[in-house]
Amino acid sequence: MTVEEIATLVQGEIIAGTEYKDKKVERVFASDLMSDVLTLKDYDNLMLVTGLCNLQSIRTCEMSDIEIILIVRGKVVTPEMLELAEDNDMVVIRTDFSLYKTSGILYGAGIPPVY
């Protein structure tokens, strides 16, 4: 499934990395604990779904080679976060849905979880 298709599914908007809207997502990991994200193995085309909306979430994705981040619960992404994401060629999607609802929608659409 593409980034653009995912944004549509969760009634979200791509707020950074719109040029990568056709990028494929093959797996999803949902967490607000960045320490859990750092324990993941190396997966290609992995998307992080999180409610943690600060520079730490972008930095964690940078360290974990995660290029697609979906921010839930209507959190406001700061200009500093967007700048860091764009500097690292990341996609940031924002939705008003909860982490639970977003995860259910993505799972129901057939995107497999990490585990």
N, C-alpha and C. Protein backbone atom coordinates (compact mmCIF):
# COMPACT_ATOMS: atom_id res chain seq x y z
N MET A 1 0.84 -1.17 0.00
CA MET A 1 0.00 0.00 0.00
C MET A 1 0.90 1.24 0.00
N THR A 2 0.48 2.29 -0.68
CA THR A 2 1.30 3.50 -0.77
C THR A 2 0.99 4.46 0.37
N VAL A 3 1.89 5.40 0.56
CA VAL A 3 1.72 6.45 1.56
C VAL A 3 0.43 7.22 1.32
N GLU A 4 0.17 7.54 0.08
CA GLU A 4 -1.04 8.29 -0.26
C GLU A 4 -2.30 7.49 0.07
N GLU A 5 -2.30 6.20 -0.21
CA GLU A 5 -3.45 5.35 0.10
C GLU A 5 -3.68 5.27 1.61
N ILE A 6 -2.60 5.19 2.36
CA ILE A 6 -2.69 5.15 3.82
C ILE A 6 -3.27 6.45 4.36
N ALA A 7 -2.77 7.57 3.86
CA ALA A 7 -3.29 8.88 4.31
C ALA A 7 -4.79 8.96 4.05
N THR A 8 -5.24 8.47 2.92
CA THR A 8 -6.66 8.47 2.60
C THR A 8 -7.44 7.57 3.56
N LEU A 9 -6.92 6.38 3.83
CA LEU A 9 -7.59 5.43 4.72
C LEU A 9 -7.84 6.00 6.11
N VAL A 10 -6.86 6.73 6.64
CA VAL A 10 -6.97 7.24 8.00
C VAL A 10 -7.45 8.69 8.04
N GLN A 11 -7.95 9.14 6.89
CA GLN A 11 -8.44 10.52 6.76
C GLN A 11 -7.39 11.51 7.27
N GLY A 12 -6.16 11.26 6.85
CA GLY A 12 -5.04 12.09 7.28
C GLY A 12 -4.51 12.94 6.16
N GLU A 13 -3.46 13.65 6.47
CA GLU A 13 -2.80 14.48 5.47
C GLU A 13 -1.29 14.27 5.54
N ILE A 14 -0.67 14.29 4.38
CA ILE A 14 0.78 14.19 4.30
C ILE A 14 1.32 15.59 4.49
N ILE A 15 2.06 15.81 5.58
CA ILE A 15 2.53 17.17 5.88
C ILE A 15 4.02 17.35 5.64
N ALA A 16 4.71 16.26 5.35
CA ALA A 16 6.13 16.33 4.94
C ALA A 16 6.39 15.16 4.01
N GLY A 17 7.22 15.38 3.03
CA GLY A 17 7.60 14.31 2.12
C GLY A 17 6.54 13.97 1.09
N THR A 18 5.78 14.96 0.66
CA THR A 18 4.72 14.70 -0.32
C THR A 18 5.27 14.12 -1.61
N GLU A 19 6.52 14.37 -1.89
CA GLU A 19 7.12 13.83 -3.11
C GLU A 19 7.29 12.31 -3.04
N TYR A 20 7.12 11.74 -1.83
CA TYR A 20 7.23 10.30 -1.64
C TYR A 20 5.87 9.63 -1.46
N LYS A 21 4.80 10.27 -1.93
CA LYS A 21 3.44 9.75 -1.72
C LYS A 21 3.21 8.39 -2.36
N ASP A 22 4.04 7.99 -3.33
CA ASP A 22 3.91 6.69 -3.98
C ASP A 22 4.80 5.62 -3.36
N LYS A 23 5.50 5.98 -2.29
CA LYS A 23 6.37 5.02 -1.60
C LYS A 23 5.51 3.92 -0.96
N LYS A 24 5.98 2.70 -1.04
CA LYS A 24 5.26 1.55 -0.51
C LYS A 24 5.50 1.38 0.99
N VAL A 25 4.46 0.97 1.68
CA VAL A 25 4.55 0.59 3.09
C VAL A 25 4.26 -0.90 3.16
N GLU A 26 5.20 -1.66 3.74
CA GLU A 26 5.05 -3.11 3.80
C GLU A 26 4.74 -3.63 5.20
N ARG A 27 5.10 -2.87 6.21
CA ARG A 27 4.86 -3.26 7.61
C ARG A 27 4.61 -2.01 8.44
N VAL A 28 3.91 -2.22 9.56
CA VAL A 28 3.59 -1.11 10.47
C VAL A 28 3.96 -1.51 11.89
N PHE A 29 4.50 -0.54 12.62
CA PHE A 29 4.75 -0.70 14.05
C PHE A 29 4.12 0.48 14.75
N ALA A 30 3.31 0.22 15.78
CA ALA A 30 2.64 1.28 16.52
C ALA A 30 3.18 1.33 17.95
N SER A 31 3.66 2.51 18.35
CA SER A 31 4.19 2.65 19.71
C SER A 31 4.40 4.12 20.05
N ASP A 32 4.21 4.42 21.33
CA ASP A 32 4.59 5.73 21.85
C ASP A 32 5.92 5.63 22.60
N LEU A 33 6.44 4.43 22.74
CA LEU A 33 7.70 4.21 23.45
C LEU A 33 8.84 4.10 22.43
N MET A 34 9.65 5.12 22.36
CA MET A 34 10.73 5.12 21.39
C MET A 34 11.78 4.07 21.72
N SER A 35 11.87 3.67 22.99
CA SER A 35 12.80 2.60 23.35
C SER A 35 12.39 1.29 22.68
N ASP A 36 11.08 1.06 22.51
CA ASP A 36 10.61 -0.13 21.79
C ASP A 36 10.95 -0.04 20.30
N VAL A 37 10.85 1.15 19.74
CA VAL A 37 11.18 1.34 18.32
C VAL A 37 12.65 1.03 18.08
N LEU A 38 13.49 1.43 19.00
CA LEU A 38 14.93 1.20 18.84
C LEU A 38 15.32 -0.27 18.89
N THR A 39 14.44 -1.13 19.38
CA THR A 39 14.75 -2.56 19.46
C THR A 39 14.37 -3.32 18.19
N LEU A 40 13.71 -2.65 17.25
CA LEU A 40 13.26 -3.32 16.03
C LEU A 40 14.43 -3.75 15.15
N LYS A 41 14.23 -4.86 14.47
CA LYS A 41 15.19 -5.29 13.47
C LYS A 41 15.06 -4.36 12.27
N ASP A 42 15.94 -4.52 11.35
CA ASP A 42 15.94 -3.68 10.15
C ASP A 42 14.87 -4.17 9.16
N TYR A 43 13.80 -3.41 9.01
CA TYR A 43 12.73 -3.73 8.06
C TYR A 43 12.69 -2.69 6.97
N ASP A 44 12.53 -3.13 5.74
CA ASP A 44 12.36 -2.20 4.63
C ASP A 44 10.90 -1.74 4.60
N ASN A 45 10.70 -0.49 4.23
CA ASN A 45 9.36 0.07 4.03
C ASN A 45 8.47 -0.06 5.26
N LEU A 46 9.05 0.23 6.41
CA LEU A 46 8.35 0.19 7.69
C LEU A 46 7.79 1.57 8.02
N MET A 47 6.57 1.62 8.54
CA MET A 47 5.97 2.87 8.98
C MET A 47 5.74 2.81 10.48
N LEU A 48 6.08 3.88 11.18
CA LEU A 48 5.81 4.01 12.60
C LEU A 48 4.53 4.81 12.79
N VAL A 49 3.63 4.28 13.61
CA VAL A 49 2.42 4.99 14.01
C VAL A 49 2.61 5.35 15.48
N THR A 50 2.51 6.64 15.79
CA THR A 50 2.79 7.08 17.16
C THR A 50 2.01 8.34 17.52
N GLY A 51 1.81 8.51 18.80
CA GLY A 51 1.22 9.74 19.32
C GLY A 51 2.28 10.63 19.93
N LEU A 52 3.52 10.16 19.94
CA LEU A 52 4.62 10.96 20.46
C LEU A 52 5.01 11.98 19.40
N CYS A 53 4.75 13.21 19.68
CA CYS A 53 4.93 14.26 18.68
C CYS A 53 5.98 15.25 19.17
N ASN A 54 7.24 14.87 19.00
CA ASN A 54 8.35 15.75 19.35
C ASN A 54 9.58 15.36 18.53
N LEU A 55 10.65 16.08 18.72
CA LEU A 55 11.87 15.80 17.95
C LEU A 55 12.42 14.40 18.21
N GLN A 56 12.16 13.88 19.41
CA GLN A 56 12.66 12.54 19.75
C GLN A 56 12.09 11.49 18.81
N SER A 57 10.84 11.61 18.43
CA SER A 57 10.25 10.61 17.54
C SER A 57 10.91 10.65 16.16
N ILE A 58 11.23 11.84 15.68
CA ILE A 58 11.90 11.97 14.38
C ILE A 58 13.33 11.42 14.48
N ARG A 59 14.03 11.76 15.54
CA ARG A 59 15.40 11.28 15.74
C ARG A 59 15.45 9.75 15.86
N THR A 60 14.47 9.20 16.58
CA THR A 60 14.42 7.74 16.72
C THR A 60 14.22 7.07 15.37
N CYS A 61 13.34 7.63 14.56
CA CYS A 61 13.12 7.07 13.22
C CYS A 61 14.37 7.21 12.37
N GLU A 62 15.05 8.31 12.52
CA GLU A 62 16.30 8.51 11.78
C GLU A 62 17.31 7.42 12.15
N MET A 63 17.44 7.15 13.43
CA MET A 63 18.39 6.13 13.90
C MET A 63 17.97 4.73 13.49
N SER A 64 16.68 4.51 13.35
CA SER A 64 16.14 3.19 13.03
C SER A 64 15.86 2.98 11.55
N ASP A 65 16.24 3.95 10.74
CA ASP A 65 16.01 3.89 9.29
C ASP A 65 14.53 3.73 8.93
N ILE A 66 13.67 4.38 9.69
CA ILE A 66 12.23 4.41 9.40
C ILE A 66 11.95 5.73 8.69
N GLU A 67 11.41 5.64 7.49
CA GLU A 67 11.23 6.84 6.68
C GLU A 67 9.81 7.38 6.65
N ILE A 68 8.87 6.64 7.27
CA ILE A 68 7.47 7.05 7.23
C ILE A 68 6.91 7.04 8.65
N ILE A 69 6.37 8.18 9.07
CA ILE A 69 5.83 8.33 10.41
C ILE A 69 4.39 8.83 10.30
N LEU A 70 3.51 8.17 11.02
CA LEU A 70 2.11 8.58 11.08
C LEU A 70 1.82 9.04 12.50
N ILE A 71 1.53 10.32 12.65
CA ILE A 71 1.25 10.93 13.95
C ILE A 71 -0.26 10.91 14.17
N VAL A 72 -0.69 10.37 15.31
CA VAL A 72 -2.12 10.20 15.60
C VAL A 72 -2.61 11.22 16.63
N ARG A 73 -3.90 11.13 16.92
CA ARG A 73 -4.58 11.93 17.94
C ARG A 73 -4.56 13.43 17.66
N GLY A 74 -4.42 13.80 16.39
CA GLY A 74 -4.49 15.20 16.02
C GLY A 74 -3.36 16.06 16.57
N LYS A 75 -2.26 15.44 16.90
CA LYS A 75 -1.12 16.19 17.45
C LYS A 75 -0.60 17.18 16.41
N VAL A 76 -0.12 18.31 16.90
CA VAL A 76 0.43 19.35 16.02
C VAL A 76 1.93 19.13 15.87
N VAL A 77 2.35 18.95 14.64
CA VAL A 77 3.76 18.73 14.33
C VAL A 77 4.43 20.09 14.24
N THR A 78 5.53 20.24 14.97
CA THR A 78 6.23 21.53 15.02
C THR A 78 7.04 21.77 13.75
N PRO A 79 7.33 23.02 13.46
CA PRO A 79 8.18 23.33 12.30
C PRO A 79 9.56 22.67 12.41
N GLU A 80 10.09 22.55 13.62
CA GLU A 80 11.40 21.91 13.81
C GLU A 80 11.33 20.43 13.45
N MET A 81 10.23 19.79 13.81
CA MET A 81 10.05 18.38 13.46
C MET A 81 9.97 18.21 11.95
N LEU A 82 9.20 19.07 11.31
CA LEU A 82 9.06 18.99 9.85
C LEU A 82 10.39 19.23 9.15
N GLU A 83 11.15 20.19 9.64
CA GLU A 83 12.45 20.48 9.03
C GLU A 83 13.39 19.28 9.15
N LEU A 84 13.42 18.67 10.34
CA LEU A 84 14.28 17.50 10.54
C LEU A 84 13.82 16.33 9.68
N ALA A 85 12.53 16.12 9.59
CA ALA A 85 11.99 15.05 8.75
C ALA A 85 12.35 15.28 7.28
N GLU A 86 12.18 16.49 6.81
CA GLU A 86 12.50 16.79 5.42
C GLU A 86 13.99 16.68 5.15
N ASP A 87 14.82 17.07 6.11
CA ASP A 87 16.27 16.93 5.96
C ASP A 87 16.68 15.46 5.81
N ASN A 88 15.86 14.56 6.36
CA ASN A 88 16.15 13.13 6.32
C ASN A 88 15.28 12.37 5.33
N ASP A 89 14.63 13.12 4.41
CA ASP A 89 13.79 12.53 3.36
C ASP A 89 12.72 11.61 3.94
N MET A 90 12.09 12.04 5.03
CA MET A 90 11.03 11.27 5.68
C MET A 90 9.66 11.79 5.28
N VAL A 91 8.69 10.91 5.40
CA VAL A 91 7.29 11.26 5.19
C VAL A 91 6.65 11.38 6.56
N VAL A 92 5.87 12.44 6.77
CA VAL A 92 5.10 12.59 7.99
C VAL A 92 3.64 12.75 7.60
N ILE A 93 2.81 11.87 8.16
CA ILE A 93 1.37 11.91 7.95
C ILE A 93 0.74 12.24 9.30
N ARG A 94 -0.33 13.00 9.28
CA ARG A 94 -1.04 13.37 10.50
C ARG A 94 -2.51 12.97 10.37
N THR A 95 -3.06 12.38 11.45
CA THR A 95 -4.48 12.03 11.48
C THR A 95 -5.08 12.41 12.83
N ASP A 96 -6.37 12.63 12.85
CA ASP A 96 -7.08 12.91 14.10
C ASP A 96 -7.48 11.63 14.82
N PHE A 97 -7.38 10.48 14.16
CA PHE A 97 -7.78 9.21 14.76
C PHE A 97 -6.84 8.82 15.91
N SER A 98 -7.34 7.97 16.81
CA SER A 98 -6.53 7.46 17.90
C SER A 98 -5.54 6.42 17.38
N LEU A 99 -4.59 6.08 18.21
CA LEU A 99 -3.62 5.04 17.86
C LEU A 99 -4.33 3.71 17.64
N TYR A 100 -5.29 3.41 18.47
CA TYR A 100 -6.03 2.16 18.38
C TYR A 100 -6.83 2.09 17.08
N LYS A 101 -7.58 3.14 16.79
CA LYS A 101 -8.40 3.15 15.57
C LYS A 101 -7.52 3.10 14.32
N THR A 102 -6.46 3.88 14.31
CA THR A 102 -5.55 3.91 13.17
C THR A 102 -4.93 2.54 12.94
N SER A 103 -4.48 1.90 14.00
CA SER A 103 -3.88 0.57 13.88
C SER A 103 -4.89 -0.43 13.35
N GLY A 104 -6.13 -0.36 13.83
CA GLY A 104 -7.17 -1.26 13.35
C GLY A 104 -7.47 -1.08 11.88
N ILE A 105 -7.52 0.17 11.44
CA ILE A 105 -7.78 0.46 10.03
C ILE A 105 -6.65 -0.11 9.16
N LEU A 106 -5.42 0.11 9.56
CA LEU A 106 -4.28 -0.36 8.78
C LEU A 106 -4.20 -1.88 8.76
N TYR A 107 -4.47 -2.50 9.91
CA TYR A 107 -4.46 -3.96 9.98
C TYR A 107 -5.58 -4.53 9.12
N GLY A 108 -6.75 -3.92 9.20
CA GLY A 108 -7.89 -4.35 8.40
C GLY A 108 -7.66 -4.19 6.90
N ALA A 109 -6.80 -3.25 6.53
CA ALA A 109 -6.48 -3.03 5.12
C ALA A 109 -5.43 -4.01 4.61
N GLY A 110 -4.92 -4.84 5.53
CA GLY A 110 -4.00 -5.89 5.10
C GLY A 110 -2.53 -5.58 5.25
N ILE A 111 -2.18 -4.48 5.92
CA ILE A 111 -0.77 -4.20 6.13
C ILE A 111 -0.32 -4.98 7.36
N PRO A 112 0.66 -5.86 7.23
CA PRO A 112 1.05 -6.69 8.37
C PRO A 112 1.84 -5.92 9.42
N PRO A 113 1.69 -6.35 10.67
CA PRO A 113 2.48 -5.74 11.74
C PRO A 113 3.90 -6.32 11.74
N VAL A 114 4.77 -5.71 12.51
CA VAL A 114 6.13 -6.22 12.64
C VAL A 114 6.08 -7.58 13.35
N TYR A 115 5.29 -7.68 14.42
CA TYR A 115 5.08 -8.96 15.12
C TYR A 115 3.79 -8.88 15.90
